Amino acid sequence: MDQVKRRAELERALEGVEGYFSTDEAWALYGATFGSSAAAPRAVEIGSYKGRSTIAIALALRDRGDGLVVSVDPHGPTGKESYVVEHGTADTFDEYLANVRRAGIERFVRPVRATSATARPDYDGVPIDLLFVDGSHDLDDVILDIDTWLPAVADRATLAFNDPYAPGVNGALRARLFSGAFGLGEPRHVNNTLFVTFERGAHTSAATALRLHAYLYVERLRFRMLKLALRGLFEVLGVVYVPERRYR
């Protein structure tokens, strides 16, 4: 199946699935999964809501023929006010499962109905080739997501973070991405998601660190007009994801 047909199938699978995750972001997540060098990629997503990101990852696994996405989400109020503000009080689990079934990807998905912190101790330990963080956007929660799940990431992997403009996400990324304990490369931005490659034991180049620092600074400002004015500059620097990649 060629790239055009794959994207069209993804768009059909996402029709009617509620959520804030755009089709372009879903396609980029599909590509990051499909292009993994692992024989049977293991993905973990923190936050799935009604399944748009889950479908993107699992369709890529299906098209590859193997792999699993562990989808972590409480699918209901957690006791934090921020959750209710963002998602309301409705229970989304049944709708999530129905969307996964309708997309025909059940065997590539392991739903975990829990918060990130609760789910982590029960994780089976398989190295994670793709970690997608889109859970609570509160600073302490995002830091906890990074600190608890990054040790489970494979030596070479892809990290993706949704809504880096949000103060909590932005602050956590600035606090944790530049620790020097690992290398980051190929930063790219798709709508509201930041993708970076991860390599344990490596070092982030000065140029990449500068691009990420500048990118997170601009995102922190959260002024749309400023972001639009700087868009062309970031494209030149290679931070903004614009061209579609060919995965096979």
C-alpha atoms as a PDB file:
ATOM      1  CA  MET A   1       0.000   0.000   0.000  1.00  0.00           C
ATOM      2  CA  ASP A   2       1.512   3.357  -0.972  1.00  0.00           C
ATOM      3  CA  GLN A   3       1.723   6.414   1.231  1.00  0.00           C
ATOM      4  CA  VAL A   4      -1.308   8.174  -0.265  1.00  0.00           C
ATOM      5  CA  LYS A   5      -3.515   5.139   0.331  1.00  0.00           C
ATOM      6  CA  ARG A   6      -2.201   4.734   3.883  1.00  0.00           C
ATOM      7  CA  ARG A   7      -3.033   8.314   4.746  1.00  0.00           C
ATOM      8  CA  ALA A   8      -6.491   8.027   3.185  1.00  0.00           C
ATOM      9  CA  GLU A   9      -7.158   4.893   5.241  1.00  0.00           C
ATOM     10  CA  LEU A  10      -6.016   6.666   8.399  1.00  0.00           C
ATOM     11  CA  GLU A  11      -8.328   9.582   7.685  1.00  0.00           C
ATOM     12  CA  ARG A  12     -11.254   7.202   7.193  1.00  0.00           C
ATOM     13  CA  ALA A  13     -10.462   5.438  10.463  1.00  0.00           C
ATOM     14  CA  LEU A  14     -10.437   8.790  12.300  1.00  0.00           C
ATOM     15  CA  GLU A  15     -13.780   9.952  10.922  1.00  0.00           C
ATOM     16  CA  GLY A  16     -16.247  10.467  13.752  1.00  0.00           C
ATOM     17  CA  VAL A  17     -13.620   9.944  16.476  1.00  0.00           C
ATOM     18  CA  GLU A  18     -13.760  12.943  18.798  1.00  0.00           C
ATOM     19  CA  GLY A  19     -10.575  14.572  19.988  1.00  0.00           C
ATOM     20  CA  TYR A  20      -8.159  17.441  19.650  1.00  0.00           C
ATOM     21  CA  PHE A  21      -5.442  15.470  17.865  1.00  0.00           C
ATOM     22  CA  SER A  22      -5.333  16.663  14.255  1.00  0.00           C
ATOM     23  CA  THR A  23      -5.073  14.474  11.182  1.00  0.00           C
ATOM     24  CA  ASP A  24      -1.596  15.857  10.423  1.00  0.00           C
ATOM     25  CA  GLU A  25      -0.442  14.947  13.927  1.00  0.00           C
ATOM     26  CA  ALA A  26      -1.979  11.500  13.574  1.00  0.00           C
ATOM     27  CA  TRP A  27      -0.195  11.005  10.263  1.00  0.00           C
ATOM     28  CA  ALA A  28       3.131  12.056  11.805  1.00  0.00           C
ATOM     29  CA  LEU A  29       2.557   9.623  14.682  1.00  0.00           C
ATOM     30  CA  TYR A  30       1.742   6.902  12.149  1.00  0.00           C
ATOM     31  CA  GLY A  31       4.992   7.683  10.348  1.00  0.00           C
ATOM     32  CA  ALA A  32       7.090   7.632  13.504  1.00  0.00           C
ATOM     33  CA  THR A  33       5.656   4.202  14.334  1.00  0.00           C
ATOM     34  CA  PHE A  34       5.830   2.764  10.831  1.00  0.00           C
ATOM     35  CA  GLY A  35       9.403   3.967  10.403  1.00  0.00           C
ATOM     36  CA  SER A  36      10.663   2.398  13.630  1.00  0.00           C
ATOM     37  CA  SER A  37      13.777   0.250  13.286  1.00  0.00           C
ATOM     38  CA  ALA A  38      12.414  -2.250  15.845  1.00  0.00           C
ATOM     39  CA  ALA A  39      11.202  -5.602  14.535  1.00  0.00           C
ATOM     40  CA  ALA A  40       8.007  -5.404  16.596  1.00  0.00           C
ATOM     41  CA  PRO A  41       7.708  -1.818  17.834  1.00  0.00           C
ATOM     42  CA  ARG A  42       6.434  -1.195  21.326  1.00  0.00           C
ATOM     43  CA  ALA A  43       4.621   2.112  21.777  1.00  0.00           C
ATOM     44  CA  VAL A  44       3.279   3.665  24.956  1.00  0.00           C
ATOM     45  CA  GLU A  45       0.897   6.577  24.918  1.00  0.00           C
ATOM     46  CA  ILE A  46       0.067   8.552  28.032  1.00  0.00           C
ATOM     47  CA  GLY A  47      -3.398   9.901  27.308  1.00  0.00           C
ATOM     48  CA  SER A  48      -5.649   8.624  24.546  1.00  0.00           C
ATOM     49  CA  TYR A  49      -9.082  10.208  25.197  1.00  0.00           C
ATOM     50  CA  LYS A  50     -11.354   8.619  22.569  1.00  0.00           C
ATOM     51  CA  GLY A  51      -8.638   6.989  20.516  1.00  0.00           C
ATOM     52  CA  ARG A  52      -7.379   9.219  17.717  1.00  0.00           C
ATOM     53  CA  SER A  53      -3.716   8.787  18.620  1.00  0.00           C
ATOM     54  CA  THR A  54      -4.246   5.107  19.456  1.00  0.00           C
ATOM     55  CA  ILE A  55      -5.694   4.471  16.015  1.00  0.00           C
ATOM     56  CA  ALA A  56      -2.787   6.242  14.303  1.00  0.00           C
ATOM     57  CA  ILE A  57      -0.182   4.161  16.138  1.00  0.00           C
ATOM     58  CA  ALA A  58      -2.024   0.842  15.869  1.00  0.00           C
ATOM     59  CA  LEU A  59      -2.760   1.232  12.151  1.00  0.00           C
ATOM     60  CA  ALA A  60       0.968   1.664  11.562  1.00  0.00           C
ATOM     61  CA  LEU A  61       1.657  -1.473  13.614  1.00  0.00           C
ATOM     62  CA  ARG A  62      -0.960  -3.376  11.640  1.00  0.00           C
ATOM     63  CA  ASP A  63       0.561  -2.230   8.351  1.00  0.00           C
ATOM     64  CA  ARG A  64       3.980  -3.370   9.571  1.00  0.00           C
ATOM     65  CA  GLY A  65       2.491  -6.676  10.742  1.00  0.00           C
ATOM     66  CA  ASP A  66       3.600  -6.677  14.380  1.00  0.00           C
ATOM     67  CA  GLY A  67       3.954  -4.589  17.537  1.00  0.00           C
ATOM     68  CA  LEU A  68       1.797  -3.254  20.352  1.00  0.00           C
ATOM     69  CA  VAL A  69       0.650   0.090  21.729  1.00  0.00           C
ATOM     70  CA  VAL A  70       0.004   0.293  25.455  1.00  0.00           C
ATOM     71  CA  SER A  71      -2.626   3.002  25.802  1.00  0.00           C
ATOM     72  CA  VAL A  72      -2.752   4.573  29.272  1.00  0.00           C
ATOM     73  CA  ASP A  73      -5.695   6.790  30.197  1.00  0.00           C
ATOM     74  CA  PRO A  74      -8.053   6.933  33.217  1.00  0.00           C
ATOM     75  CA  HIS A  75     -10.993   7.726  30.900  1.00  0.00           C
ATOM     76  CA  GLY A  76     -12.704   9.549  33.738  1.00  0.00           C
ATOM     77  CA  PRO A  77     -12.122  12.163  36.442  1.00  0.00           C
ATOM     78  CA  THR A  78      -8.945  11.637  38.442  1.00  0.00           C
ATOM     79  CA  GLY A  79      -9.705  13.978  41.310  1.00  0.00           C
ATOM     80  CA  LYS A  80      -7.790  16.811  39.677  1.00  0.00           C
ATOM     81  CA  GLU A  81      -9.725  19.896  38.674  1.00  0.00           C
ATOM     82  CA  SER A  82      -7.631  20.265  35.531  1.00  0.00           C
ATOM     83  CA  TYR A  83      -8.987  16.972  34.184  1.00  0.00           C
ATOM     84  CA  VAL A  84     -12.603  18.099  34.541  1.00  0.00           C
ATOM     85  CA  VAL A  85     -11.810  21.457  32.950  1.00  0.00           C
ATOM     86  CA  GLU A  86     -10.223  19.708  29.967  1.00  0.00           C
ATOM     87  CA  HIS A  87     -12.476  16.664  29.514  1.00  0.00           C
ATOM     88  CA  GLY A  88     -15.543  17.092  31.708  1.00  0.00           C
ATOM     89  CA  THR A  89     -16.925  14.362  33.935  1.00  0.00           C
ATOM     90  CA  ALA A  90     -18.002  11.844  31.287  1.00  0.00           C
ATOM     91  CA  ASP A  91     -16.604   8.314  31.219  1.00  0.00           C
ATOM     92  CA  THR A  92     -14.955   7.840  27.802  1.00  0.00           C
ATOM     93  CA  PHE A  93     -13.772   4.238  28.064  1.00  0.00           C
ATOM     94  CA  ASP A  94     -16.639   2.530  26.230  1.00  0.00           C
ATOM     95  CA  GLU A  95     -16.487   5.020  23.382  1.00  0.00           C
ATOM     96  CA  TYR A  96     -12.716   4.574  23.192  1.00  0.00           C
ATOM     97  CA  LEU A  97     -13.086   0.786  22.933  1.00  0.00           C
ATOM     98  CA  ALA A  98     -15.787   1.134  20.289  1.00  0.00           C
ATOM     99  CA  ASN A  99     -13.557   3.389  18.188  1.00  0.00           C
ATOM    100  CA  VAL A 100     -10.674   0.924  18.440  1.00  0.00           C
ATOM    101  CA  ARG A 101     -12.940  -1.970  17.414  1.00  0.00           C
ATOM    102  CA  ARG A 102     -14.384  -0.031  14.511  1.00  0.00           C
ATOM    103  CA  ALA A 103     -10.869   0.671  13.208  1.00  0.00           C
ATOM    104  CA  GLY A 104     -10.084  -3.054  13.283  1.00  0.00           C
ATOM    105  CA  ILE A 105      -6.910  -2.700  15.322  1.00  0.00           C
ATOM    106  CA  GLU A 106      -7.828  -4.390  18.614  1.00  0.00           C
ATOM    107  CA  ARG A 107      -5.052  -6.978  18.560  1.00  0.00           C
ATOM    108  CA  PHE A 108      -2.413  -4.235  18.376  1.00  0.00           C
ATOM    109  CA  VAL A 109      -3.789  -2.302  21.383  1.00  0.00           C
ATOM    110  CA  ARG A 110      -3.520  -2.939  25.116  1.00  0.00           C
ATOM    111  CA  PRO A 111      -5.773  -0.440  26.926  1.00  0.00           C
ATOM    112  CA  VAL A 112      -4.726   0.390  30.476  1.00  0.00           C
ATOM    113  CA  ARG A 113      -7.405   2.261  32.356  1.00  0.00           C
ATOM    114  CA  ALA A 114      -5.271   4.122  34.894  1.00  0.00           C
ATOM    115  CA  THR A 115      -3.287   7.267  35.449  1.00  0.00           C
ATOM    116  CA  SER A 116       0.292   7.332  34.226  1.00  0.00           C
ATOM    117  CA  ALA A 117       1.717   7.016  37.734  1.00  0.00           C
ATOM    118  CA  THR A 118      -0.548   4.075  38.586  1.00  0.00           C
ATOM    119  CA  ALA A 119       0.151   2.250  35.324  1.00  0.00           C
ATOM    120  CA  ARG A 120       3.937   2.519  35.389  1.00  0.00           C
ATOM    121  CA  PRO A 121       4.692  -0.055  38.154  1.00  0.00           C
ATOM    122  CA  ASP A 122       2.649  -2.685  36.287  1.00  0.00           C
ATOM    123  CA  TYR A 123       4.313  -2.111  32.915  1.00  0.00           C
ATOM    124  CA  ASP A 124       5.816  -5.328  31.535  1.00  0.00           C
ATOM    125  CA  GLY A 125       9.259  -3.831  30.910  1.00  0.00           C
ATOM    126  CA  VAL A 126       9.473  -4.210  27.136  1.00  0.00           C
ATOM    127  CA  PRO A 127      11.698  -1.362  25.856  1.00  0.00           C
ATOM    128  CA  ILE A 128       9.568   1.443  24.425  1.00  0.00           C
ATOM    129  CA  ASP A 129      10.325   2.463  20.844  1.00  0.00           C
ATOM    130  CA  LEU A 130       7.783   5.296  20.762  1.00  0.00           C
ATOM    131  CA  LEU A 131       6.675   7.271  23.811  1.00  0.00           C
ATOM    132  CA  PHE A 132       3.817   9.707  23.225  1.00  0.00           C
ATOM    133  CA  VAL A 133       3.008  11.989  26.172  1.00  0.00           C
ATOM    134  CA  ASP A 134      -0.423  13.637  26.076  1.00  0.00           C
ATOM    135  CA  GLY A 135      -1.801  13.170  29.577  1.00  0.00           C
ATOM    136  CA  SER A 136      -2.328  15.781  32.259  1.00  0.00           C
ATOM    137  CA  HIS A 137      -0.721  19.075  31.255  1.00  0.00           C
ATOM    138  CA  ASP A 138      -0.010  20.084  34.863  1.00  0.00           C
ATOM    139  CA  LEU A 139       3.708  20.680  35.393  1.00  0.00           C
ATOM    140  CA  ASP A 140       4.151  18.104  38.144  1.00  0.00           C
ATOM    141  CA  ASP A 141       2.297  15.447  36.147  1.00  0.00           C
ATOM    142  CA  VAL A 142       4.308  15.973  32.960  1.00  0.00           C
ATOM    143  CA  ILE A 143       7.564  15.860  34.912  1.00  0.00           C
ATOM    144  CA  LEU A 144       6.354  12.631  36.536  1.00  0.00           C
ATOM    145  CA  ASP A 145       5.485  11.188  33.103  1.00  0.00           C
ATOM    146  CA  ILE A 146       8.984  11.915  31.827  1.00  0.00           C
ATOM    147  CA  ASP A 147      10.812  10.785  34.958  1.00  0.00           C
ATOM    148  CA  THR A 148       8.912   7.520  35.355  1.00  0.00           C
ATOM    149  CA  TRP A 149       8.602   6.409  31.728  1.00  0.00           C
ATOM    150  CA  LEU A 150      11.888   7.550  30.179  1.00  0.00           C
ATOM    151  CA  PRO A 151      13.887   4.797  31.953  1.00  0.00           C
ATOM    152  CA  ALA A 152      11.711   2.254  30.101  1.00  0.00           C
ATOM    153  CA  VAL A 153      12.473   3.749  26.677  1.00  0.00           C
ATOM    154  CA  ALA A 154      14.703   1.774  24.297  1.00  0.00           C
ATOM    155  CA  ASP A 155      18.265   2.959  23.694  1.00  0.00           C
ATOM    156  CA  ARG A 156      17.084   4.483  20.414  1.00  0.00           C
ATOM    157  CA  ALA A 157      13.499   5.697  20.216  1.00  0.00           C
ATOM    158  CA  THR A 158      11.112   8.484  19.284  1.00  0.00           C
ATOM    159  CA  LEU A 159       9.577  10.813  21.868  1.00  0.00           C
ATOM    160  CA  ALA A 160       6.507  12.921  21.139  1.00  0.00           C
ATOM    161  CA  PHE A 161       4.934  15.564  23.358  1.00  0.00           C
ATOM    162  CA  ASN A 162       1.550  17.115  22.695  1.00  0.00           C
ATOM    163  CA  ASP A 163       0.799  20.801  23.375  1.00  0.00           C
ATOM    164  CA  PRO A 164       4.314  22.111  24.122  1.00  0.00           C
ATOM    165  CA  TYR A 165       2.833  25.615  24.270  1.00  0.00           C
ATOM    166  CA  ALA A 166       0.929  24.690  27.457  1.00  0.00           C
ATOM    167  CA  PRO A 167       2.795  26.122  30.463  1.00  0.00           C
ATOM    168  CA  GLY A 168       3.021  22.801  32.321  1.00  0.00           C
ATOM    169  CA  VAL A 169       4.230  20.846  29.285  1.00  0.00           C
ATOM    170  CA  ASN A 170       6.631  23.589  28.259  1.00  0.00           C
ATOM    171  CA  GLY A 171       8.085  23.894  31.747  1.00  0.00           C
ATOM    172  CA  ALA A 172       8.538  20.137  32.072  1.00  0.00           C
ATOM    173  CA  LEU A 173      10.289  19.907  28.712  1.00  0.00           C
ATOM    174  CA  ARG A 174      12.648  22.742  29.590  1.00  0.00           C
ATOM    175  CA  ALA A 175      13.370  21.105  32.945  1.00  0.00           C
ATOM    176  CA  ARG A 176      13.941  17.572  31.670  1.00  0.00           C
ATOM    177  CA  LEU A 177      15.008  17.475  28.019  1.00  0.00           C
ATOM    178  CA  PHE A 178      18.415  19.017  28.574  1.00  0.00           C
ATOM    179  CA  SER A 179      19.680  16.877  31.428  1.00  0.00           C
ATOM    180  CA  GLY A 180      22.685  15.612  29.445  1.00  0.00           C
ATOM    181  CA  ALA A 181      21.800  11.977  30.223  1.00  0.00           C
ATOM    182  CA  PHE A 182      20.741  11.276  26.644  1.00  0.00           C
ATOM    183  CA  GLY A 183      20.934  12.703  23.162  1.00  0.00           C
ATOM    184  CA  LEU A 184      18.119  14.325  21.232  1.00  0.00           C
ATOM    185  CA  GLY A 185      17.961  14.878  17.508  1.00  0.00           C
ATOM    186  CA  GLU A 186      15.741  15.676  14.532  1.00  0.00           C
ATOM    187  CA  PRO A 187      13.299  17.987  16.339  1.00  0.00           C
ATOM    188  CA  ARG A 188      10.173  18.578  14.310  1.00  0.00           C
ATOM    189  CA  HIS A 189       6.843  20.194  15.054  1.00  0.00           C
ATOM    190  CA  VAL A 190       3.482  19.084  13.708  1.00  0.00           C
ATOM    191  CA  ASN A 191       0.601  21.361  14.632  1.00  0.00           C
ATOM    192  CA  ASN A 192       0.669  20.978  18.425  1.00  0.00           C
ATOM    193  CA  THR A 193       3.073  18.060  18.818  1.00  0.00           C
ATOM    194  CA  LEU A 194       6.848  18.036  19.177  1.00  0.00           C
ATOM    195  CA  PHE A 195       8.731  14.963  17.911  1.00  0.00           C
ATOM    196  CA  VAL A 196      12.369  14.245  18.762  1.00  0.00           C
ATOM    197  CA  THR A 197      14.620  11.233  18.391  1.00  0.00           C
ATOM    198  CA  PHE A 198      16.161   9.851  21.582  1.00  0.00           C
ATOM    199  CA  GLU A 199      19.489   8.061  22.027  1.00  0.00           C
ATOM    200  CA  ARG A 200      20.608   6.848  25.428  1.00  0.00           C
ATOM    201  CA  GLY A 201      24.230   7.555  26.269  1.00  0.00           C
ATOM    202  CA  ALA A 202      24.592  10.140  23.493  1.00  0.00           C
ATOM    203  CA  HIS A 203      24.761  13.922  23.653  1.00  0.00           C
ATOM    204  CA  THR A 204      22.495  16.515  22.103  1.00  0.00           C
ATOM    205  CA  SER A 205      24.431  18.628  19.630  1.00  0.00           C
ATOM    206  CA  ALA A 206      24.814  22.317  20.380  1.00  0.00           C
ATOM    207  CA  ALA A 207      22.826  23.185  17.253  1.00  0.00           C
ATOM    208  CA  THR A 208      19.911  20.910  18.206  1.00  0.00           C
ATOM    209  CA  ALA A 209      19.921  22.168  21.804  1.00  0.00           C
ATOM    210  CA  LEU A 210      19.799  25.734  20.539  1.00  0.00           C
ATOM    211  CA  ARG A 211      16.897  24.926  18.217  1.00  0.00           C
ATOM    212  CA  LEU A 212      14.952  23.241  21.017  1.00  0.00           C
ATOM    213  CA  HIS A 213      15.627  26.041  23.494  1.00  0.00           C
ATOM    214  CA  ALA A 214      14.474  28.615  20.942  1.00  0.00           C
ATOM    215  CA  TYR A 215      11.446  26.545  19.986  1.00  0.00           C
ATOM    216  CA  LEU A 216      10.318  26.060  23.593  1.00  0.00           C
ATOM    217  CA  TYR A 217      10.852  29.740  24.298  1.00  0.00           C
ATOM    218  CA  VAL A 218       8.620  30.731  21.395  1.00  0.00           C
ATOM    219  CA  GLU A 219       6.016  28.156  22.398  1.00  0.00           C
ATOM    220  CA  ARG A 220       6.075  29.517  25.939  1.00  0.00           C
ATOM    221  CA  LEU A 221       5.140  32.954  24.678  1.00  0.00           C
ATOM    222  CA  ARG A 222       1.975  31.466  23.230  1.00  0.00           C
ATOM    223  CA  PHE A 223       1.247  34.429  21.050  1.00  0.00           C
ATOM    224  CA  ARG A 224      -0.026  33.151  17.744  1.00  0.00           C
ATOM    225  CA  MET A 225       1.103  36.142  15.716  1.00  0.00           C
ATOM    226  CA  LEU A 226       4.646  35.812  16.994  1.00  0.00           C
ATOM    227  CA  LYS A 227       4.639  32.117  16.191  1.00  0.00           C
ATOM    228  CA  LEU A 228       3.428  32.809  12.675  1.00  0.00           C
ATOM    229  CA  ALA A 229       6.089  35.473  12.173  1.00  0.00           C
ATOM    230  CA  LEU A 230       8.841  33.077  13.227  1.00  0.00           C
ATOM    231  CA  ARG A 231       7.495  30.066  11.373  1.00  0.00           C
ATOM    232  CA  GLY A 232       9.672  30.599   8.331  1.00  0.00           C
ATOM    233  CA  LEU A 233      12.788  30.930  10.512  1.00  0.00           C
ATOM    234  CA  PHE A 234      12.094  27.681  12.317  1.00  0.00           C
ATOM    235  CA  GLU A 235      11.477  25.884   9.035  1.00  0.00           C
ATOM    236  CA  VAL A 236      14.928  26.957   7.878  1.00  0.00           C
ATOM    237  CA  LEU A 237      16.398  25.710  11.169  1.00  0.00           C
ATOM    238  CA  GLY A 238      14.677  22.359  10.716  1.00  0.00           C
ATOM    239  CA  VAL A 239      12.472  22.547  13.789  1.00  0.00           C
ATOM    240  CA  VAL A 240       9.072  22.864  12.143  1.00  0.00           C
ATOM    241  CA  TYR A 241       7.886  19.676  10.476  1.00  0.00           C
ATOM    242  CA  VAL A 242       6.612  20.609   7.009  1.00  0.00           C
ATOM    243  CA  PRO A 243       7.361  17.993   4.326  1.00  0.00           C
ATOM    244  CA  GLU A 244       5.799  14.571   4.458  1.00  0.00           C
ATOM    245  CA  ARG A 245       8.296  11.764   4.821  1.00  0.00           C
ATOM    246  CA  ARG A 246       8.282   8.540   2.869  1.00  0.00           C
ATOM    247  CA  TYR A 247       8.327   5.601   5.219  1.00  0.00           C
ATOM    248  CA  ARG A 248       8.675   2.769   2.715  1.00  0.00           C
END
